Amino acid sequence: MFDRREGVLCVLTRGDETLTLPFDALPQDAREGDTLVHTAAGWRIDEEATAARRARIDGLMARLFEKK
């Protein structure tokens, strides 16, 4: 997962693992929170996994901030 950008670098995380890469190694439209997959052709955004992850987080946020 694309965790954050630090200047010309980006930080990817998976569980407890961290990978730091040049930002220009990622797709131009990559943004923080995207799920990325490395292939022989380079990095690509996994649109389906990213959407599922964002939907899960939105659901958690809604439950956290729901009015009682």
PDB file of N, CA and C in Angstrom:
ATOM      1  N   MET A   1       0.838  -1.161   0.000  1.00  0.00           N
ATOM      2  CA  MET A   1       0.000   0.000   0.000  1.00  0.00           C
ATOM      3  C   MET A   1       0.892   1.235   0.000  1.00  0.00           C
ATOM      4  N   PHE A   2       0.507   2.225  -0.766  1.00  0.00           N
ATOM      5  CA  PHE A   2       1.233   3.487  -0.843  1.00  0.00           C
ATOM      6  C   PHE A   2       0.901   4.261   0.434  1.00  0.00           C
ATOM      7  N   ASP A   3       1.838   4.295   1.360  1.00  0.00           N
ATOM      8  CA  ASP A   3       1.616   4.905   2.660  1.00  0.00           C
ATOM      9  C   ASP A   3       1.777   6.421   2.618  1.00  0.00           C
ATOM     10  N   ARG A   4       2.917   6.865   2.092  1.00  0.00           N
ATOM     11  CA  ARG A   4       3.164   8.305   2.096  1.00  0.00           C
ATOM     12  C   ARG A   4       4.292   8.658   1.128  1.00  0.00           C
ATOM     13  N   ARG A   5       4.325   9.948   0.827  1.00  0.00           N
ATOM     14  CA  ARG A   5       5.402  10.490  -0.001  1.00  0.00           C
ATOM     15  C   ARG A   5       6.314  11.318   0.899  1.00  0.00           C
ATOM     16  N   GLU A   6       7.602  11.162   0.699  1.00  0.00           N
ATOM     17  CA  GLU A   6       8.604  11.938   1.436  1.00  0.00           C
ATOM     18  C   GLU A   6       9.551  12.558   0.424  1.00  0.00           C
ATOM     19  N   GLY A   7       9.200  13.739  -0.050  1.00  0.00           N
ATOM     20  CA  GLY A   7       9.999  14.411  -1.070  1.00  0.00           C
ATOM     21  C   GLY A   7       9.952  13.642  -2.379  1.00  0.00           C
ATOM     22  N   VAL A   8      11.118  13.216  -2.875  1.00  0.00           N
ATOM     23  CA  VAL A   8      11.190  12.486  -4.144  1.00  0.00           C
ATOM     24  C   VAL A   8      11.020  10.979  -3.930  1.00  0.00           C
ATOM     25  N   LEU A   9      10.819  10.570  -2.675  1.00  0.00           N
ATOM     26  CA  LEU A   9      10.650   9.151  -2.352  1.00  0.00           C
ATOM     27  C   LEU A   9       9.213   8.868  -1.943  1.00  0.00           C
ATOM     28  N   CYS A  10       8.835   7.601  -2.002  1.00  0.00           N
ATOM     29  CA  CYS A  10       7.540   7.174  -1.488  1.00  0.00           C
ATOM     30  C   CYS A  10       7.773   5.949  -0.608  1.00  0.00           C
ATOM     31  N   VAL A  11       6.886   5.773   0.349  1.00  0.00           N
ATOM     32  CA  VAL A  11       6.990   4.664   1.283  1.00  0.00           C
ATOM     33  C   VAL A  11       5.799   3.744   1.051  1.00  0.00           C
ATOM     34  N   LEU A  12       6.098   2.484   0.774  1.00  0.00           N
ATOM     35  CA  LEU A  12       5.064   1.461   0.612  1.00  0.00           C
ATOM     36  C   LEU A  12       5.105   0.564   1.843  1.00  0.00           C
ATOM     37  N   THR A  13       3.952   0.114   2.288  1.00  0.00           N
ATOM     38  CA  THR A  13       3.898  -0.768   3.450  1.00  0.00           C
ATOM     39  C   THR A  13       3.054  -1.994   3.139  1.00  0.00           C
ATOM     40  N   ARG A  14       3.424  -3.096   3.809  1.00  0.00           N
ATOM     41  CA  ARG A  14       2.627  -4.329   3.763  1.00  0.00           C
ATOM     42  C   ARG A  14       2.868  -5.014   5.098  1.00  0.00           C
ATOM     43  N   GLY A  15       1.855  -4.942   5.955  1.00  0.00           N
ATOM     44  CA  GLY A  15       2.029  -5.482   7.298  1.00  0.00           C
ATOM     45  C   GLY A  15       3.117  -4.702   8.004  1.00  0.00           C
ATOM     46  N   ASP A  16       4.118  -5.410   8.494  1.00  0.00           N
ATOM     47  CA  ASP A  16       5.237  -4.768   9.183  1.00  0.00           C
ATOM     48  C   ASP A  16       6.381  -4.409   8.239  1.00  0.00           C
ATOM     49  N   GLU A  17       6.240  -4.744   6.957  1.00  0.00           N
ATOM     50  CA  GLU A  17       7.299  -4.469   5.986  1.00  0.00           C
ATOM     51  C   GLU A  17       7.163  -3.060   5.424  1.00  0.00           C
ATOM     52  N   THR A  18       8.301  -2.419   5.170  1.00  0.00           N
ATOM     53  CA  THR A  18       8.333  -1.088   4.581  1.00  0.00           C
ATOM     54  C   THR A  18       9.311  -1.098   3.414  1.00  0.00           C
ATOM     55  N   LEU A  19       8.916  -0.465   2.318  1.00  0.00           N
ATOM     56  CA  LEU A  19       9.759  -0.362   1.130  1.00  0.00           C
ATOM     57  C   LEU A  19       9.783   1.103   0.709  1.00  0.00           C
ATOM     58  N   THR A  20      10.967   1.644   0.523  1.00  0.00           N
ATOM     59  CA  THR A  20      11.115   3.026   0.069  1.00  0.00           C
ATOM     60  C   THR A  20      11.608   3.015  -1.370  1.00  0.00           C
ATOM     61  N   LEU A  21      10.896   3.745  -2.226  1.00  0.00           N
ATOM     62  CA  LEU A  21      11.207   3.796  -3.656  1.00  0.00           C
ATOM     63  C   LEU A  21      11.213   5.233  -4.148  1.00  0.00           C
ATOM     64  N   PRO A  22      11.855   5.482  -5.286  1.00  0.00           N
ATOM     65  CA  PRO A  22      11.697   6.796  -5.915  1.00  0.00           C
ATOM     66  C   PRO A  22      10.231   6.972  -6.326  1.00  0.00           C
ATOM     67  N   PHE A  23       9.687   8.156  -6.080  1.00  0.00           N
ATOM     68  CA  PHE A  23       8.286   8.400  -6.404  1.00  0.00           C
ATOM     69  C   PHE A  23       8.003   8.164  -7.881  1.00  0.00           C
ATOM     70  N   ASP A  24       8.960   8.478  -8.745  1.00  0.00           N
ATOM     71  CA  ASP A  24       8.709   8.313 -10.183  1.00  0.00           C
ATOM     72  C   ASP A  24       8.700   6.849 -10.636  1.00  0.00           C
ATOM     73  N   ALA A  25       8.937   5.899  -9.712  1.00  0.00           N
ATOM     74  CA  ALA A  25       8.815   4.478 -10.044  1.00  0.00           C
ATOM     75  C   ALA A  25       7.353   4.025 -10.036  1.00  0.00           C
ATOM     76  N   LEU A  26       6.483   4.846  -9.446  1.00  0.00           N
ATOM     77  CA  LEU A  26       5.065   4.502  -9.354  1.00  0.00           C
ATOM     78  C   LEU A  26       4.300   5.077 -10.538  1.00  0.00           C
ATOM     79  N   PRO A  27       3.080   4.564 -10.782  1.00  0.00           N
ATOM     80  CA  PRO A  27       2.254   5.172 -11.831  1.00  0.00           C
ATOM     81  C   PRO A  27       2.001   6.649 -11.520  1.00  0.00           C
ATOM     82  N   GLN A  28       1.869   7.461 -12.546  1.00  0.00           N
ATOM     83  CA  GLN A  28       1.685   8.900 -12.360  1.00  0.00           C
ATOM     84  C   GLN A  28       0.453   9.236 -11.531  1.00  0.00           C
ATOM     85  N   ASP A  29      -0.585   8.404 -11.614  1.00  0.00           N
ATOM     86  CA  ASP A  29      -1.824   8.706 -10.896  1.00  0.00           C
ATOM     87  C   ASP A  29      -1.897   8.040  -9.522  1.00  0.00           C
ATOM     88  N   ALA A  30      -0.806   7.442  -9.055  1.00  0.00           N
ATOM     89  CA  ALA A  30      -0.789   6.804  -7.732  1.00  0.00           C
ATOM     90  C   ALA A  30      -0.934   7.865  -6.648  1.00  0.00           C
ATOM     91  N   ARG A  31      -1.708   7.524  -5.624  1.00  0.00           N
ATOM     92  CA  ARG A  31      -1.866   8.448  -4.505  1.00  0.00           C
ATOM     93  C   ARG A  31      -1.874   7.672  -3.201  1.00  0.00           C
ATOM     94  N   GLU A  32      -1.664   8.367  -2.133  1.00  0.00           N
ATOM     95  CA  GLU A  32      -1.602   7.726  -0.826  1.00  0.00           C
ATOM     96  C   GLU A  32      -2.874   6.917  -0.583  1.00  0.00           C
ATOM     97  N   GLY A  33      -2.689   5.707  -0.080  1.00  0.00           N
ATOM     98  CA  GLY A  33      -3.811   4.811   0.180  1.00  0.00           C
ATOM     99  C   GLY A  33      -4.054   3.795  -0.914  1.00  0.00           C
ATOM    100  N   ASP A  34      -3.440   3.989  -2.085  1.00  0.00           N
ATOM    101  CA  ASP A  34      -3.622   3.034  -3.178  1.00  0.00           C
ATOM    102  C   ASP A  34      -2.929   1.710  -2.856  1.00  0.00           C
ATOM    103  N   THR A  35      -3.559   0.619  -3.258  1.00  0.00           N
ATOM    104  CA  THR A  35      -2.936  -0.699  -3.182  1.00  0.00           C
ATOM    105  C   THR A  35      -2.165  -0.884  -4.485  1.00  0.00           C
ATOM    106  N   LEU A  36      -0.892  -1.200  -4.366  1.00  0.00           N
ATOM    107  CA  LEU A  36      -0.023  -1.337  -5.532  1.00  0.00           C
ATOM    108  C   LEU A  36       0.444  -2.776  -5.690  1.00  0.00           C
ATOM    109  N   VAL A  37       0.629  -3.177  -6.930  1.00  0.00           N
ATOM    110  CA  VAL A  37       1.106  -4.514  -7.265  1.00  0.00           C
ATOM    111  C   VAL A  37       2.336  -4.355  -8.147  1.00  0.00           C
ATOM    112  N   HIS A  38       3.364  -5.120  -7.833  1.00  0.00           N
ATOM    113  CA  HIS A  38       4.574  -5.072  -8.659  1.00  0.00           C
ATOM    114  C   HIS A  38       4.512  -6.185  -9.691  1.00  0.00           C
ATOM    115  N   THR A  39       4.715  -5.826 -10.953  1.00  0.00           N
ATOM    116  CA  THR A  39       4.710  -6.789 -12.051  1.00  0.00           C
ATOM    117  C   THR A  39       6.038  -6.666 -12.796  1.00  0.00           C
ATOM    118  N   ALA A  40       6.217  -7.510 -13.779  1.00  0.00           N
ATOM    119  CA  ALA A  40       7.429  -7.448 -14.590  1.00  0.00           C
ATOM    120  C   ALA A  40       7.550  -6.092 -15.304  1.00  0.00           C
ATOM    121  N   ALA A  41       6.406  -5.453 -15.568  1.00  0.00           N
ATOM    122  CA  ALA A  41       6.395  -4.164 -16.256  1.00  0.00           C
ATOM    123  C   ALA A  41       6.542  -2.987 -15.295  1.00  0.00           C
ATOM    124  N   GLY A  42       6.550  -3.258 -13.994  1.00  0.00           N
ATOM    125  CA  GLY A  42       6.664  -2.186 -13.005  1.00  0.00           C
ATOM    126  C   GLY A  42       5.480  -2.217 -12.044  1.00  0.00           C
ATOM    127  N   TRP A  43       5.245  -1.104 -11.374  1.00  0.00           N
ATOM    128  CA  TRP A  43       4.167  -0.999 -10.396  1.00  0.00           C
ATOM    129  C   TRP A  43       2.876  -0.601 -11.085  1.00  0.00           C
ATOM    130  N   ARG A  44       1.763  -1.153 -10.587  1.00  0.00           N
ATOM    131  CA  ARG A  44       0.445  -0.745 -11.083  1.00  0.00           C
ATOM    132  C   ARG A  44      -0.500  -0.655  -9.895  1.00  0.00           C
ATOM    133  N   ILE A  45      -1.538   0.148 -10.054  1.00  0.00           N
ATOM    134  CA  ILE A  45      -2.547   0.302  -9.012  1.00  0.00           C
ATOM    135  C   ILE A  45      -3.546  -0.834  -9.138  1.00  0.00           C
ATOM    136  N   ASP A  46      -3.828  -1.509  -8.042  1.00  0.00           N
ATOM    137  CA  ASP A  46      -4.873  -2.533  -8.007  1.00  0.00           C
ATOM    138  C   ASP A  46      -6.168  -1.807  -7.644  1.00  0.00           C
ATOM    139  N   GLU A  47      -6.916  -1.417  -8.664  1.00  0.00           N
ATOM    140  CA  GLU A  47      -8.120  -0.600  -8.485  1.00  0.00           C
ATOM    141  C   GLU A  47      -9.154  -1.297  -7.596  1.00  0.00           C
ATOM    142  N   GLU A  48      -9.349  -2.585  -7.805  1.00  0.00           N
ATOM    143  CA  GLU A  48     -10.351  -3.328  -7.041  1.00  0.00           C
ATOM    144  C   GLU A  48      -9.979  -3.395  -5.553  1.00  0.00           C
ATOM    145  N   ALA A  49      -8.741  -3.729  -5.257  1.00  0.00           N
ATOM    146  CA  ALA A  49      -8.290  -3.809  -3.863  1.00  0.00           C
ATOM    147  C   ALA A  49      -8.297  -2.431  -3.202  1.00  0.00           C
ATOM    148  N   THR A  50      -7.937  -1.400  -3.963  1.00  0.00           N
ATOM    149  CA  THR A  50      -7.950  -0.039  -3.421  1.00  0.00           C
ATOM    150  C   THR A  50      -9.373   0.380  -3.077  1.00  0.00           C
ATOM    151  N   ALA A  51     -10.325   0.116  -3.976  1.00  0.00           N
ATOM    152  CA  ALA A  51     -11.727   0.479  -3.724  1.00  0.00           C
ATOM    153  C   ALA A  51     -12.280  -0.281  -2.518  1.00  0.00           C
ATOM    154  N   ALA A  52     -11.966  -1.568  -2.408  1.00  0.00           N
ATOM    155  CA  ALA A  52     -12.444  -2.369  -1.275  1.00  0.00           C
ATOM    156  C   ALA A  52     -11.858  -1.854   0.035  1.00  0.00           C
ATOM    157  N   ARG A  53     -10.598  -1.514   0.020  1.00  0.00           N
ATOM    158  CA  ARG A  53      -9.950  -0.998   1.229  1.00  0.00           C
ATOM    159  C   ARG A  53     -10.552   0.335   1.647  1.00  0.00           C
ATOM    160  N   ARG A  54     -10.765   1.229   0.681  1.00  0.00           N
ATOM    161  CA  ARG A  54     -11.355   2.535   0.997  1.00  0.00           C
ATOM    162  C   ARG A  54     -12.792   2.379   1.506  1.00  0.00           C
ATOM    163  N   ALA A  55     -13.561   1.457   0.927  1.00  0.00           N
ATOM    164  CA  ALA A  55     -14.937   1.222   1.390  1.00  0.00           C
ATOM    165  C   ALA A  55     -14.935   0.689   2.822  1.00  0.00           C
ATOM    166  N   ARG A  56     -14.009  -0.201   3.126  1.00  0.00           N
ATOM    167  CA  ARG A  56     -13.914  -0.753   4.485  1.00  0.00           C
ATOM    168  C   ARG A  56     -13.559   0.353   5.476  1.00  0.00           C
ATOM    169  N   ILE A  57     -12.629   1.207   5.114  1.00  0.00           N
ATOM    170  CA  ILE A  57     -12.234   2.307   5.991  1.00  0.00           C
ATOM    171  C   ILE A  57     -13.388   3.299   6.160  1.00  0.00           C
ATOM    172  N   ASP A  58     -14.098   3.598   5.079  1.00  0.00           N
ATOM    173  CA  ASP A  58     -15.256   4.504   5.174  1.00  0.00           C
ATOM    174  C   ASP A  58     -16.302   3.950   6.132  1.00  0.00           C
ATOM    175  N   GLY A  59     -16.541   2.633   6.063  1.00  0.00           N
ATOM    176  CA  GLY A  59     -17.491   1.994   6.972  1.00  0.00           C
ATOM    177  C   GLY A  59     -17.044   2.094   8.416  1.00  0.00           C
ATOM    178  N   LEU A  60     -15.765   1.863   8.668  1.00  0.00           N
ATOM    179  CA  LEU A  60     -15.230   1.989  10.025  1.00  0.00           C
ATOM    180  C   LEU A  60     -15.347   3.426  10.539  1.00  0.00           C
ATOM    181  N   MET A  61     -15.046   4.382   9.687  1.00  0.00           N
ATOM    182  CA  MET A  61     -15.141   5.788  10.083  1.00  0.00           C
ATOM    183  C   MET A  61     -16.591   6.167  10.390  1.00  0.00           C
ATOM    184  N   ALA A  62     -17.526   5.688   9.577  1.00  0.00           N
ATOM    185  CA  ALA A  62     -18.940   5.985   9.807  1.00  0.00           C
ATOM    186  C   ALA A  62     -19.381   5.427  11.154  1.00  0.00           C
ATOM    187  N   ARG A  63     -18.963   4.200  11.468  1.00  0.00           N
ATOM    188  CA  ARG A  63     -19.331   3.612  12.761  1.00  0.00           C
ATOM    189  C   ARG A  63     -18.666   4.355  13.915  1.00  0.00           C
ATOM    190  N   LEU A  64     -17.432   4.775  13.717  1.00  0.00           N
ATOM    191  CA  LEU A  64     -16.707   5.475  14.775  1.00  0.00           C
ATOM    192  C   LEU A  64     -17.366   6.817  15.113  1.00  0.00           C
ATOM    193  N   PHE A  65     -17.828   7.528  14.097  1.00  0.00           N
ATOM    194  CA  PHE A  65     -18.364   8.866  14.306  1.00  0.00           C
ATOM    195  C   PHE A  65     -19.886   8.933  14.262  1.00  0.00           C
ATOM    196  N   GLU A  66     -20.557   7.787  14.261  1.00  0.00           N
ATOM    197  CA  GLU A  66     -22.025   7.835  14.201  1.00  0.00           C
ATOM    198  C   GLU A  66     -22.567   8.414  15.499  1.00  0.00           C
ATOM    199  N   LYS A  67     -23.648   9.169  15.322  1.00  0.00           N
ATOM    200  CA  LYS A  67     -24.266   9.813  16.481  1.00  0.00           C
ATOM    201  C   LYS A  67     -25.094   8.799  17.248  1.00  0.00           C
ATOM    202  N   LYS A  68     -25.045   8.911  18.546  1.00  0.00           N
ATOM    203  CA  LYS A  68     -25.799   7.997  19.391  1.00  0.00           C
ATOM    204  C   LYS A  68     -26.884   8.726  20.123  1.00  0.00           C
TER     205      LYS A  68
END
